[in-house]
Amino acid sequence: MLLDPLSNALSIINNAEKARSKSYVYLHPASKLVGKVLNVLMQRGYIGIVELVDDGASGVFKVELLGHINKAQSIKPRYAVRKTEIEQWETKYLPSKGFGFLIMSTNLGIMTNDDAKTKGIGGRLLAYVY
C-alpha cells in the first residue's frame, strides 16, 4: 500500500541515480504533487524531460535521468516554515550554502527555497535535493 507518493518517487529516482544503470525511470501512480516537484527538478536541471504516460488508471511519469542528483529525499513531517526561518532549515538539510535546494509548498505553488526567499513567503517543507 502506497502511503506517500512523493517519498516513493524520490526514492525511486535516488536509487536509480545511485545504480547509474538506467536512463529512464517510471514513477507511478502519477499525482499533481509529484508532477509539480518533478517540474521544479526539471527547471533546475537535475532531471531531463518528464512525460506523463497514460496507462488507463492513474498514469505514470516517465523521467529522464541525467546523473546530477546526489541525494533526493522527502521531509517528514512537513514542517511549517516562516520566511525568516528558511536559512535555518537550509543548514539542517543541505550540505553547504549554495549546494542543492529545498522544495516548499507555498500559497503561490510549489517552489524552491531561493524562490520563496526572493518572494518573501513561507510555506511547508516537502523535500530536499542536492
C-alpha atoms as a PDB file:
ATOM      1  CA  MET A   1       0.000   0.000   0.000  1.00  0.00           C
ATOM      2  CA  LEU A   2       1.423   3.355  -1.053  1.00  0.00           C
ATOM      3  CA  LEU A   3       1.231   5.979   1.682  1.00  0.00           C
ATOM      4  CA  ASP A   4       3.389   8.813   0.349  1.00  0.00           C
ATOM      5  CA  PRO A   5       3.697   9.127  -3.448  1.00  0.00           C
ATOM      6  CA  LEU A   6       6.315  11.901  -3.233  1.00  0.00           C
ATOM      7  CA  SER A   7       8.583   9.900  -0.958  1.00  0.00           C
ATOM      8  CA  ASN A   8       8.178   6.848  -3.186  1.00  0.00           C
ATOM      9  CA  ALA A   9       9.006   8.831  -6.347  1.00  0.00           C
ATOM     10  CA  LEU A  10      12.093  10.454  -4.836  1.00  0.00           C
ATOM     11  CA  SER A  11      13.407   7.145  -3.510  1.00  0.00           C
ATOM     12  CA  ILE A  12      12.995   5.538  -6.964  1.00  0.00           C
ATOM     13  CA  ILE A  13      14.922   8.427  -8.540  1.00  0.00           C
ATOM     14  CA  ASN A  14      17.571   8.300  -5.807  1.00  0.00           C
ATOM     15  CA  ASN A  15      18.091   4.543  -6.184  1.00  0.00           C
ATOM     16  CA  ALA A  16      18.298   4.732  -9.984  1.00  0.00           C
ATOM     17  CA  GLU A  17      20.835   7.574  -9.774  1.00  0.00           C
ATOM     18  CA  LYS A  18      22.969   5.573  -7.339  1.00  0.00           C
ATOM     19  CA  ALA A  19      22.846   2.486  -9.585  1.00  0.00           C
ATOM     20  CA  ARG A  20      23.678   4.634 -12.659  1.00  0.00           C
ATOM     21  CA  SER A  21      22.252   1.909 -14.828  1.00  0.00           C
ATOM     22  CA  LYS A  22      19.077   3.428 -16.219  1.00  0.00           C
ATOM     23  CA  SER A  23      18.483   6.454 -18.359  1.00  0.00           C
ATOM     24  CA  TYR A  24      14.733   6.482 -17.632  1.00  0.00           C
ATOM     25  CA  VAL A  25      12.611   5.615 -14.610  1.00  0.00           C
ATOM     26  CA  TYR A  26       8.860   5.162 -14.368  1.00  0.00           C
ATOM     27  CA  LEU A  27       7.045   6.658 -11.390  1.00  0.00           C
ATOM     28  CA  HIS A  28       3.540   5.502 -10.572  1.00  0.00           C
ATOM     29  CA  PRO A  29       0.903   6.489  -9.667  1.00  0.00           C
ATOM     30  CA  ALA A  30       1.027   9.963 -11.163  1.00  0.00           C
ATOM     31  CA  SER A  31      -0.161  12.743  -8.876  1.00  0.00           C
ATOM     32  CA  LYS A  32      -0.288  16.520  -9.131  1.00  0.00           C
ATOM     33  CA  LEU A  33       2.182  16.988  -6.274  1.00  0.00           C
ATOM     34  CA  VAL A  34       4.753  14.615  -7.765  1.00  0.00           C
ATOM     35  CA  GLY A  35       4.307  16.261 -11.166  1.00  0.00           C
ATOM     36  CA  LYS A  36       4.943  19.741  -9.773  1.00  0.00           C
ATOM     37  CA  VAL A  37       8.009  18.587  -7.819  1.00  0.00           C
ATOM     38  CA  LEU A  38       9.375  16.886 -10.962  1.00  0.00           C
ATOM     39  CA  ASN A  39       8.760  20.127 -12.845  1.00  0.00           C
ATOM     40  CA  VAL A  40      10.890  22.023 -10.300  1.00  0.00           C
ATOM     41  CA  LEU A  41      13.664  19.422 -10.644  1.00  0.00           C
ATOM     42  CA  MET A  42      13.491  19.708 -14.432  1.00  0.00           C
ATOM     43  CA  GLN A  43      13.666  23.524 -14.332  1.00  0.00           C
ATOM     44  CA  ARG A  44      16.748  23.388 -12.098  1.00  0.00           C
ATOM     45  CA  GLY A  45      18.480  20.894 -14.433  1.00  0.00           C
ATOM     46  CA  TYR A  46      18.594  17.876 -12.119  1.00  0.00           C
ATOM     47  CA  ILE A  47      16.468  15.665 -14.383  1.00  0.00           C
ATOM     48  CA  GLY A  48      15.643  15.681 -18.078  1.00  0.00           C
ATOM     49  CA  ILE A  49      12.294  15.540 -19.791  1.00  0.00           C
ATOM     50  CA  VAL A  50       9.257  14.348 -17.813  1.00  0.00           C
ATOM     51  CA  GLU A  51       6.401  12.717 -19.724  1.00  0.00           C
ATOM     52  CA  LEU A  52       3.001  11.645 -18.456  1.00  0.00           C
ATOM     53  CA  VAL A  53       2.180   8.233 -19.925  1.00  0.00           C
ATOM     54  CA  ASP A  54      -1.465   7.170 -19.737  1.00  0.00           C
ATOM     55  CA  ASP A  55      -1.727   3.586 -18.528  1.00  0.00           C
ATOM     56  CA  GLY A  56      -5.506   3.523 -18.184  1.00  0.00           C
ATOM     57  CA  ALA A  57      -5.604   4.020 -14.423  1.00  0.00           C
ATOM     58  CA  SER A  58      -3.870   6.978 -12.791  1.00  0.00           C
ATOM     59  CA  GLY A  59      -0.969   7.430 -15.200  1.00  0.00           C
ATOM     60  CA  VAL A  60       2.789   7.021 -14.976  1.00  0.00           C
ATOM     61  CA  PHE A  61       5.581   9.598 -15.172  1.00  0.00           C
ATOM     62  CA  LYS A  62       8.497   8.715 -17.445  1.00  0.00           C
ATOM     63  CA  VAL A  63      11.522  10.629 -16.143  1.00  0.00           C
ATOM     64  CA  GLU A  64      14.838  11.029 -17.971  1.00  0.00           C
ATOM     65  CA  LEU A  65      17.803  10.828 -15.583  1.00  0.00           C
ATOM     66  CA  LEU A  66      20.870  12.986 -16.177  1.00  0.00           C
ATOM     67  CA  GLY A  67      23.076  11.785 -13.306  1.00  0.00           C
ATOM     68  CA  HIS A  68      23.070  15.121 -11.470  1.00  0.00           C
ATOM     69  CA  ILE A  69      21.340  14.051  -8.246  1.00  0.00           C
ATOM     70  CA  ASN A  70      23.443  13.041  -5.252  1.00  0.00           C
ATOM     71  CA  LYS A  71      20.508  12.755  -2.863  1.00  0.00           C
ATOM     72  CA  ALA A  72      16.785  13.429  -3.112  1.00  0.00           C
ATOM     73  CA  GLN A  73      14.583  12.789  -0.111  1.00  0.00           C
ATOM     74  CA  SER A  74      11.208  13.894   1.184  1.00  0.00           C
ATOM     75  CA  ILE A  75      10.942  15.630   4.539  1.00  0.00           C
ATOM     76  CA  LYS A  76       8.608  14.103   7.093  1.00  0.00           C
ATOM     77  CA  PRO A  77       6.781  15.621   8.902  1.00  0.00           C
ATOM     78  CA  ARG A  78       6.117  18.517   6.564  1.00  0.00           C
ATOM     79  CA  TYR A  79       7.259  21.375   8.765  1.00  0.00           C
ATOM     80  CA  ALA A  80       5.698  24.827   8.507  1.00  0.00           C
ATOM     81  CA  VAL A  81       8.440  27.373   7.785  1.00  0.00           C
ATOM     82  CA  ARG A  82       8.273  31.145   8.133  1.00  0.00           C
ATOM     83  CA  LYS A  83      10.143  33.320   5.682  1.00  0.00           C
ATOM     84  CA  THR A  84      12.638  34.228   8.412  1.00  0.00           C
ATOM     85  CA  GLU A  85      13.351  30.563   9.248  1.00  0.00           C
ATOM     86  CA  ILE A  86      14.251  29.306   5.758  1.00  0.00           C
ATOM     87  CA  GLU A  87      18.020  29.646   6.285  1.00  0.00           C
ATOM     88  CA  GLN A  88      17.872  27.582   9.492  1.00  0.00           C
ATOM     89  CA  TRP A  89      16.236  24.721   7.581  1.00  0.00           C
ATOM     90  CA  GLU A  90      18.797  25.066   4.768  1.00  0.00           C
ATOM     91  CA  THR A  91      21.626  24.460   7.242  1.00  0.00           C
ATOM     92  CA  LYS A  92      19.772  21.458   8.667  1.00  0.00           C
ATOM     93  CA  TYR A  93      19.110  19.638   5.380  1.00  0.00           C
ATOM     94  CA  LEU A  94      21.651  20.898   2.821  1.00  0.00           C
ATOM     95  CA  PRO A  95      25.376  20.036   2.976  1.00  0.00           C
ATOM     96  CA  SER A  96      26.643  23.570   2.253  1.00  0.00           C
ATOM     97  CA  LYS A  97      25.461  27.005   1.253  1.00  0.00           C
ATOM     98  CA  GLY A  98      24.552  27.263  -2.444  1.00  0.00           C
ATOM     99  CA  PHE A  99      24.620  23.476  -2.945  1.00  0.00           C
ATOM    100  CA  GLY A 100      21.184  21.955  -3.544  1.00  0.00           C
ATOM    101  CA  PHE A 101      17.803  23.317  -2.572  1.00  0.00           C
ATOM    102  CA  LEU A 102      14.692  22.726  -0.518  1.00  0.00           C
ATOM    103  CA  ILE A 103      11.325  22.228  -2.208  1.00  0.00           C
ATOM    104  CA  MET A 104       8.465  24.020  -0.487  1.00  0.00           C
ATOM    105  CA  SER A 105       4.714  24.179  -0.868  1.00  0.00           C
ATOM    106  CA  THR A 106       3.572  27.801  -0.605  1.00  0.00           C
ATOM    107  CA  ASN A 107       0.380  29.695  -1.263  1.00  0.00           C
ATOM    108  CA  LEU A 108       1.881  30.612  -4.669  1.00  0.00           C
ATOM    109  CA  GLY A 109       2.579  26.970  -5.595  1.00  0.00           C
ATOM    110  CA  ILE A 110       5.477  24.519  -5.346  1.00  0.00           C
ATOM    111  CA  MET A 111       8.856  26.299  -5.442  1.00  0.00           C
ATOM    112  CA  THR A 112      12.429  26.201  -4.185  1.00  0.00           C
ATOM    113  CA  ASN A 113      13.686  27.887  -1.051  1.00  0.00           C
ATOM    114  CA  ASP A 114      15.510  30.507  -3.152  1.00  0.00           C
ATOM    115  CA  ASP A 115      12.295  31.487  -4.935  1.00  0.00           C
ATOM    116  CA  ALA A 116      10.430  31.655  -1.621  1.00  0.00           C
ATOM    117  CA  LYS A 117      13.115  33.911  -0.114  1.00  0.00           C
ATOM    118  CA  THR A 118      13.036  36.307  -3.064  1.00  0.00           C
ATOM    119  CA  LYS A 119       9.221  36.473  -2.920  1.00  0.00           C
ATOM    120  CA  GLY A 120       9.288  36.864   0.868  1.00  0.00           C
ATOM    121  CA  ILE A 121       6.921  33.995   1.701  1.00  0.00           C
ATOM    122  CA  GLY A 122       6.990  30.890   3.835  1.00  0.00           C
ATOM    123  CA  GLY A 123       5.327  27.520   3.433  1.00  0.00           C
ATOM    124  CA  ARG A 124       5.723  23.836   4.188  1.00  0.00           C
ATOM    125  CA  LEU A 125       8.833  21.791   3.508  1.00  0.00           C
ATOM    126  CA  LEU A 126       8.324  18.895   1.097  1.00  0.00           C
ATOM    127  CA  ALA A 127      11.779  17.655   0.078  1.00  0.00           C
ATOM    128  CA  TYR A 128      15.442  18.459  -0.403  1.00  0.00           C
ATOM    129  CA  VAL A 129      17.695  17.730  -3.352  1.00  0.00           C
ATOM    130  CA  TYR A 130      21.432  18.089  -3.928  1.00  0.00           C
END
